[in-house]
Amino acid sequence: MEYEWDARKARTNLRDHRIDFADAVIVFEDDAAITVVDESSEEERFVTMGADQIGRVLVVVYT
Protein backbone atom coordinates (compact mmCIF):
# COMPACT_ATOMS: atom_id res chain seq x y z
CA MET A 1 0.00 0.00 0.00
CA GLU A 2 1.19 3.53 -0.71
CA TYR A 3 0.94 6.36 1.80
CA GLU A 4 1.34 10.08 1.40
CA TRP A 5 1.75 12.86 3.91
CA ASP A 6 2.53 16.52 4.18
CA ALA A 7 6.30 17.04 4.32
CA ARG A 8 6.01 19.89 6.83
CA LYS A 9 3.85 17.79 9.18
CA ALA A 10 6.33 14.93 8.84
CA ARG A 11 9.24 17.18 9.88
CA THR A 12 7.22 18.56 12.81
CA ASN A 13 6.25 15.07 13.93
CA LEU A 14 9.85 13.88 13.75
CA ARG A 15 11.02 16.89 15.77
CA ASP A 16 8.24 16.74 18.39
CA HIS A 17 7.75 12.98 18.76
CA ARG A 18 10.95 11.50 17.28
CA ILE A 19 8.87 9.27 15.02
CA ASP A 20 9.31 9.32 11.26
CA PHE A 21 6.06 8.95 9.31
CA ALA A 22 7.76 6.26 7.20
CA ASP A 23 8.17 4.23 10.41
CA ALA A 24 4.70 5.08 11.75
CA VAL A 25 2.85 3.57 8.78
CA ILE A 26 4.18 0.14 9.81
CA VAL A 27 1.36 0.02 12.39
CA PHE A 28 -1.05 -0.62 9.51
CA GLU A 29 0.73 -3.96 8.93
CA ASP A 30 0.34 -5.01 12.58
CA ASP A 31 -2.28 -7.79 12.75
CA ALA A 32 -3.04 -6.79 16.35
CA ALA A 33 -3.55 -3.09 15.54
CA ILE A 34 -6.80 -1.48 16.63
CA THR A 35 -8.54 1.24 14.59
CA VAL A 36 -11.39 3.44 15.78
CA VAL A 37 -13.23 6.41 14.29
CA ASP A 38 -12.39 9.74 15.95
CA GLU A 39 -15.85 11.05 16.78
CA SER A 40 -14.47 14.37 18.07
CA SER A 41 -13.54 15.64 14.62
CA GLU A 42 -15.83 17.23 12.05
CA GLU A 43 -13.88 15.55 9.25
CA GLU A 44 -13.62 11.79 8.81
CA ARG A 45 -10.65 10.85 10.99
CA PHE A 46 -9.30 7.55 12.27
CA VAL A 47 -7.00 6.52 15.10
CA THR A 48 -4.92 3.35 14.85
CA MET A 49 -2.79 1.93 17.64
CA GLY A 50 -0.27 -0.75 16.80
CA ALA A 51 3.37 -1.77 16.98
CA ASP A 52 6.12 -0.69 14.63
CA GLN A 53 8.97 -2.89 13.38
CA ILE A 54 10.98 -2.50 16.60
CA GLY A 55 8.07 -3.09 18.95
CA ARG A 56 7.16 0.48 19.89
CA VAL A 57 3.43 0.98 20.35
CA LEU A 58 2.40 3.95 18.20
CA VAL A 59 -0.86 5.84 17.84
CA VAL A 60 -1.44 7.14 14.32
CA VAL A 61 -4.20 9.68 13.63
CA TYR A 62 -5.12 10.14 9.99
CA THR A 63 -7.82 11.23 7.57
PDB file of N, CA and C in Angstrom:
ATOM      1  N   MET A   1       0.840  -1.169   0.000  1.00  0.00           N
ATOM      2  CA  MET A   1       0.000   0.000   0.000  1.00  0.00           C
ATOM      3  C   MET A   1       0.890   1.238   0.000  1.00  0.00           C
ATOM      4  N   GLU A   2       0.454   2.272  -0.679  1.00  0.00           N
ATOM      5  CA  GLU A   2       1.193   3.530  -0.711  1.00  0.00           C
ATOM      6  C   GLU A   2       0.560   4.525   0.244  1.00  0.00           C
ATOM      7  N   TYR A   3       1.401   5.330   0.874  1.00  0.00           N
ATOM      8  CA  TYR A   3       0.941   6.357   1.798  1.00  0.00           C
ATOM      9  C   TYR A   3       1.518   7.687   1.353  1.00  0.00           C
ATOM     10  N   GLU A   4       0.802   8.746   1.666  1.00  0.00           N
ATOM     11  CA  GLU A   4       1.338  10.079   1.398  1.00  0.00           C
ATOM     12  C   GLU A   4       1.052  10.966   2.593  1.00  0.00           C
ATOM     13  N   TRP A   5       1.917  11.946   2.790  1.00  0.00           N
ATOM     14  CA  TRP A   5       1.746  12.858   3.907  1.00  0.00           C
ATOM     15  C   TRP A   5       2.385  14.182   3.564  1.00  0.00           C
ATOM     16  N   ASP A   6       2.009  15.174   4.330  1.00  0.00           N
ATOM     17  CA  ASP A   6       2.529  16.523   4.182  1.00  0.00           C
ATOM     18  C   ASP A   6       3.962  16.558   4.729  1.00  0.00           C
ATOM     19  N   ALA A   7       4.894  17.030   3.926  1.00  0.00           N
ATOM     20  CA  ALA A   7       6.304  17.043   4.321  1.00  0.00           C
ATOM     21  C   ALA A   7       6.538  17.904   5.563  1.00  0.00           C
ATOM     22  N   ARG A   8       5.839  19.020   5.665  1.00  0.00           N
ATOM     23  CA  ARG A   8       6.007  19.893   6.830  1.00  0.00           C
ATOM     24  C   ARG A   8       5.525  19.192   8.104  1.00  0.00           C
ATOM     25  N   LYS A   9       4.365  18.531   8.011  1.00  0.00           N
ATOM     26  CA  LYS A   9       3.852  17.794   9.178  1.00  0.00           C
ATOM     27  C   LYS A   9       4.803  16.663   9.559  1.00  0.00           C
ATOM     28  N   ALA A  10       5.392  16.023   8.564  1.00  0.00           N
ATOM     29  CA  ALA A  10       6.334  14.933   8.835  1.00  0.00           C
ATOM     30  C   ALA A  10       7.554  15.448   9.593  1.00  0.00           C
ATOM     31  N   ARG A  11       8.088  16.599   9.180  1.00  0.00           N
ATOM     32  CA  ARG A  11       9.240  17.175   9.879  1.00  0.00           C
ATOM     33  C   ARG A  11       8.875  17.570  11.306  1.00  0.00           C
ATOM     34  N   THR A  12       7.680  18.161  11.477  1.00  0.00           N
ATOM     35  CA  THR A  12       7.223  18.559  12.809  1.00  0.00           C
ATOM     36  C   THR A  12       7.045  17.342  13.698  1.00  0.00           C
ATOM     37  N   ASN A  13       6.451  16.290  13.161  1.00  0.00           N
ATOM     38  CA  ASN A  13       6.245  15.067  13.934  1.00  0.00           C
ATOM     39  C   ASN A  13       7.578  14.447  14.351  1.00  0.00           C
ATOM     40  N   LEU A  14       8.528  14.432  13.441  1.00  0.00           N
ATOM     41  CA  LEU A  14       9.848  13.883  13.750  1.00  0.00           C
ATOM     42  C   LEU A  14      10.518  14.702  14.852  1.00  0.00           C
ATOM     43  N   ARG A  15      10.417  16.015  14.755  1.00  0.00           N
ATOM     44  CA  ARG A  15      11.019  16.890  15.768  1.00  0.00           C
ATOM     45  C   ARG A  15      10.333  16.729  17.125  1.00  0.00           C
ATOM     46  N   ASP A  16       8.996  16.741  17.133  1.00  0.00           N
ATOM     47  CA  ASP A  16       8.238  16.739  18.390  1.00  0.00           C
ATOM     48  C   ASP A  16       8.128  15.363  19.042  1.00  0.00           C
ATOM     49  N   HIS A  17       8.019  14.317  18.223  1.00  0.00           N
ATOM     50  CA  HIS A  17       7.752  12.979  18.762  1.00  0.00           C
ATOM     51  C   HIS A  17       8.860  11.966  18.484  1.00  0.00           C
ATOM     52  N   ARG A  18       9.831  12.374  17.661  1.00  0.00           N
ATOM     53  CA  ARG A  18      10.953  11.501  17.280  1.00  0.00           C
ATOM     54  C   ARG A  18      10.483  10.229  16.577  1.00  0.00           C
ATOM     55  N   ILE A  19       9.400  10.376  15.826  1.00  0.00           N
ATOM     56  CA  ILE A  19       8.870   9.270  15.024  1.00  0.00           C
ATOM     57  C   ILE A  19       8.758   9.743  13.577  1.00  0.00           C
ATOM     58  N   ASP A  20       9.400   9.019  12.681  1.00  0.00           N
ATOM     59  CA  ASP A  20       9.314   9.320  11.256  1.00  0.00           C
ATOM     60  C   ASP A  20       8.013   8.727  10.719  1.00  0.00           C
ATOM     61  N   PHE A  21       7.305   9.466   9.878  1.00  0.00           N
ATOM     62  CA  PHE A  21       6.061   8.948   9.309  1.00  0.00           C
ATOM     63  C   PHE A  21       6.302   7.638   8.561  1.00  0.00           C
ATOM     64  N   ALA A  22       7.451   7.499   7.921  1.00  0.00           N
ATOM     65  CA  ALA A  22       7.760   6.260   7.198  1.00  0.00           C
ATOM     66  C   ALA A  22       7.806   5.066   8.152  1.00  0.00           C
ATOM     67  N   ASP A  23       8.188   5.295   9.400  1.00  0.00           N
ATOM     68  CA  ASP A  23       8.166   4.234  10.412  1.00  0.00           C
ATOM     69  C   ASP A  23       6.762   4.051  10.974  1.00  0.00           C
ATOM     70  N   ALA A  24       6.035   5.140  11.133  1.00  0.00           N
ATOM     71  CA  ALA A  24       4.703   5.083  11.750  1.00  0.00           C
ATOM     72  C   ALA A  24       3.711   4.270  10.920  1.00  0.00           C
ATOM     73  N   VAL A  25       3.822   4.295   9.611  1.00  0.00           N
ATOM     74  CA  VAL A  25       2.850   3.572   8.784  1.00  0.00           C
ATOM     75  C   VAL A  25       2.956   2.057   8.936  1.00  0.00           C
ATOM     76  N   ILE A  26       4.022   1.580   9.563  1.00  0.00           N
ATOM     77  CA  ILE A  26       4.181   0.143   9.809  1.00  0.00           C
ATOM     78  C   ILE A  26       3.051  -0.382  10.691  1.00  0.00           C
ATOM     79  N   VAL A  27       2.446   0.485  11.519  1.00  0.00           N
ATOM     80  CA  VAL A  27       1.355   0.021  12.391  1.00  0.00           C
ATOM     81  C   VAL A  27       0.200  -0.554  11.576  1.00  0.00           C
ATOM     82  N   PHE A  28       0.043  -0.115  10.336  1.00  0.00           N
ATOM     83  CA  PHE A  28      -1.048  -0.624   9.508  1.00  0.00           C
ATOM     84  C   PHE A  28      -0.817  -2.078   9.090  1.00  0.00           C
ATOM     85  N   GLU A  29       0.408  -2.566   9.239  1.00  0.00           N
ATOM     86  CA  GLU A  29       0.730  -3.960   8.928  1.00  0.00           C
ATOM     87  C   GLU A  29       0.656  -4.857  10.164  1.00  0.00           C
ATOM     88  N   ASP A  30       0.425  -4.260  11.328  1.00  0.00           N
ATOM     89  CA  ASP A  30       0.343  -5.010  12.583  1.00  0.00           C
ATOM     90  C   ASP A  30      -1.018  -5.698  12.666  1.00  0.00           C
ATOM     91  N   ASP A  31      -1.024  -7.031  12.686  1.00  0.00           N
ATOM     92  CA  ASP A  31      -2.279  -7.790  12.752  1.00  0.00           C
ATOM     93  C   ASP A  31      -3.060  -7.521  14.031  1.00  0.00           C
ATOM     94  N   ALA A  32      -2.379  -7.070  15.072  1.00  0.00           N
ATOM     95  CA  ALA A  32      -3.039  -6.792  16.348  1.00  0.00           C
ATOM     96  C   ALA A  32      -3.441  -5.322  16.493  1.00  0.00           C
ATOM     97  N   ALA A  33      -3.213  -4.513  15.468  1.00  0.00           N
ATOM     98  CA  ALA A  33      -3.546  -3.085  15.538  1.00  0.00           C
ATOM     99  C   ALA A  33      -5.053  -2.896  15.708  1.00  0.00           C
ATOM    100  N   ILE A  34      -5.398  -1.828  16.392  1.00  0.00           N
ATOM    101  CA  ILE A  34      -6.801  -1.479  16.630  1.00  0.00           C
ATOM    102  C   ILE A  34      -7.061  -0.124  15.991  1.00  0.00           C
ATOM    103  N   THR A  35      -8.155  -0.019  15.228  1.00  0.00           N
ATOM    104  CA  THR A  35      -8.537   1.236  14.591  1.00  0.00           C
ATOM    105  C   THR A  35      -9.933   1.623  15.038  1.00  0.00           C
ATOM    106  N   VAL A  36     -10.088   2.902  15.396  1.00  0.00           N
ATOM    107  CA  VAL A  36     -11.392   3.444  15.777  1.00  0.00           C
ATOM    108  C   VAL A  36     -11.612   4.747  15.024  1.00  0.00           C
ATOM    109  N   VAL A  37     -12.873   5.121  14.894  1.00  0.00           N
ATOM    110  CA  VAL A  37     -13.226   6.407  14.290  1.00  0.00           C
ATOM    111  C   VAL A  37     -13.110   7.474  15.363  1.00  0.00           C
ATOM    112  N   ASP A  38     -12.495   8.603  15.030  1.00  0.00           N
ATOM    113  CA  ASP A  38     -12.386   9.736  15.951  1.00  0.00           C
ATOM    114  C   ASP A  38     -13.663  10.549  15.836  1.00  0.00           C
ATOM    115  N   GLU A  39     -14.548  10.377  16.791  1.00  0.00           N
ATOM    116  CA  GLU A  39     -15.851  11.049  16.776  1.00  0.00           C
ATOM    117  C   GLU A  39     -15.752  12.532  17.125  1.00  0.00           C
ATOM    118  N   SER A  40     -14.600  12.981  17.636  1.00  0.00           N
ATOM    119  CA  SER A  40     -14.471  14.372  18.072  1.00  0.00           C
ATOM    120  C   SER A  40     -14.180  15.334  16.926  1.00  0.00           C
ATOM    121  N   SER A  41     -13.904  14.809  15.761  1.00  0.00           N
ATOM    122  CA  SER A  41     -13.536  15.637  14.623  1.00  0.00           C
ATOM    123  C   SER A  41     -14.713  15.814  13.672  1.00  0.00           C
ATOM    124  N   GLU A  42     -14.777  16.985  13.050  1.00  0.00           N
ATOM    125  CA  GLU A  42     -15.829  17.229  12.055  1.00  0.00           C
ATOM    126  C   GLU A  42     -15.520  16.527  10.739  1.00  0.00           C
ATOM    127  N   GLU A  43     -14.237  16.278  10.463  1.00  0.00           N
ATOM    128  CA  GLU A  43     -13.882  15.548   9.253  1.00  0.00           C
ATOM    129  C   GLU A  43     -13.737  14.069   9.593  1.00  0.00           C
ATOM    130  N   GLU A  44     -13.782  13.221   8.578  1.00  0.00           N
ATOM    131  CA  GLU A  44     -13.617  11.788   8.807  1.00  0.00           C
ATOM    132  C   GLU A  44     -12.168  11.527   9.215  1.00  0.00           C
ATOM    133  N   ARG A  45     -11.983  11.058  10.441  1.00  0.00           N
ATOM    134  CA  ARG A  45     -10.646  10.855  10.989  1.00  0.00           C
ATOM    135  C   ARG A  45     -10.607   9.525  11.730  1.00  0.00           C
ATOM    136  N   PHE A  46      -9.470   8.852  11.642  1.00  0.00           N
ATOM    137  CA  PHE A  46      -9.299   7.547  12.269  1.00  0.00           C
ATOM    138  C   PHE A  46      -8.080   7.557  13.181  1.00  0.00           C
ATOM    139  N   VAL A  47      -8.112   6.682  14.167  1.00  0.00           N
ATOM    140  CA  VAL A  47      -6.998   6.518  15.098  1.00  0.00           C
ATOM    141  C   VAL A  47      -6.641   5.032  15.115  1.00  0.00           C
ATOM    142  N   THR A  48      -5.392   4.731  14.813  1.00  0.00           N
ATOM    143  CA  THR A  48      -4.920   3.346  14.845  1.00  0.00           C
ATOM    144  C   THR A  48      -3.779   3.230  15.842  1.00  0.00           C
ATOM    145  N   MET A  49      -3.860   2.217  16.690  1.00  0.00           N
ATOM    146  CA  MET A  49      -2.795   1.926  17.640  1.00  0.00           C
ATOM    147  C   MET A  49      -2.233   0.556  17.296  1.00  0.00           C
ATOM    148  N   GLY A  50      -0.925   0.501  17.123  1.00  0.00           N
ATOM    149  CA  GLY A  50      -0.272  -0.754  16.795  1.00  0.00           C
ATOM    150  C   GLY A  50       1.221  -0.643  17.020  1.00  0.00           C
ATOM    151  N   ALA A  51       1.928  -1.726  16.763  1.00  0.00           N
ATOM    152  CA  ALA A  51       3.372  -1.769  16.985  1.00  0.00           C
ATOM    153  C   ALA A  51       4.123  -1.538  15.679  1.00  0.00           C
ATOM    154  N   ASP A  52       5.262  -0.859  15.799  1.00  0.00           N
ATOM    155  CA  ASP A  52       6.123  -0.685  14.630  1.00  0.00           C
ATOM    156  C   ASP A  52       7.100  -1.853  14.543  1.00  0.00           C
ATOM    157  N   GLN A  53       8.065  -1.773  13.639  1.00  0.00           N
ATOM    158  CA  GLN A  53       8.969  -2.892  13.381  1.00  0.00           C
ATOM    159  C   GLN A  53       9.936  -3.176  14.524  1.00  0.00           C
ATOM    160  N   ILE A  54      10.089  -2.233  15.458  1.00  0.00           N
ATOM    161  CA  ILE A  54      10.980  -2.496  16.599  1.00  0.00           C
ATOM    162  C   ILE A  54      10.202  -2.642  17.907  1.00  0.00           C
ATOM    163  N   GLY A  55       8.885  -2.788  17.788  1.00  0.00           N
ATOM    164  CA  GLY A  55       8.068  -3.085  18.954  1.00  0.00           C
ATOM    165  C   GLY A  55       7.504  -1.901  19.711  1.00  0.00           C
ATOM    166  N   ARG A  56       7.759  -0.684  19.232  1.00  0.00           N
ATOM    167  CA  ARG A  56       7.164   0.479  19.894  1.00  0.00           C
ATOM    168  C   ARG A  56       5.678   0.509  19.585  1.00  0.00           C
ATOM    169  N   VAL A  57       4.866   0.821  20.576  1.00  0.00           N
ATOM    170  CA  VAL A  57       3.430   0.984  20.347  1.00  0.00           C
ATOM    171  C   VAL A  57       3.205   2.434  19.939  1.00  0.00           C
ATOM    172  N   LEU A  58       2.635   2.612  18.744  1.00  0.00           N
ATOM    173  CA  LEU A  58       2.404   3.946  18.200  1.00  0.00           C
ATOM    174  C   LEU A  58       0.916   4.176  18.010  1.00  0.00           C
ATOM    175  N   VAL A  59       0.510   5.426  18.140  1.00  0.00           N
ATOM    176  CA  VAL A  59      -0.857   5.841  17.844  1.00  0.00           C
ATOM    177  C   VAL A  59      -0.776   6.759  16.635  1.00  0.00           C
ATOM    178  N   VAL A  60      -1.461   6.388  15.565  1.00  0.00           N
ATOM    179  CA  VAL A  60      -1.441   7.143  14.317  1.00  0.00           C
ATOM    180  C   VAL A  60      -2.841   7.696  14.078  1.00  0.00           C
ATOM    181  N   VAL A  61      -2.925   9.018  13.919  1.00  0.00           N
ATOM    182  CA  VAL A  61      -4.197   9.684  13.634  1.00  0.00           C
ATOM    183  C   VAL A  61      -4.137  10.157  12.190  1.00  0.00           C
ATOM    184  N   TYR A  62      -5.170   9.834  11.419  1.00  0.00           N
ATOM    185  CA  TYR A  62      -5.124  10.137   9.988  1.00  0.00           C
ATOM    186  C   TYR A  62      -6.524  10.346   9.432  1.00  0.00           C
ATOM    187  N   THR A  63      -6.554  10.985   8.266  1.00  0.00           N
ATOM    188  CA  THR A  63      -7.824  11.227   7.570  1.00  0.00           C
ATOM    189  C   THR A  63      -7.862  10.422   6.296  1.00  0.00           C
TER     190      THR A  63
END
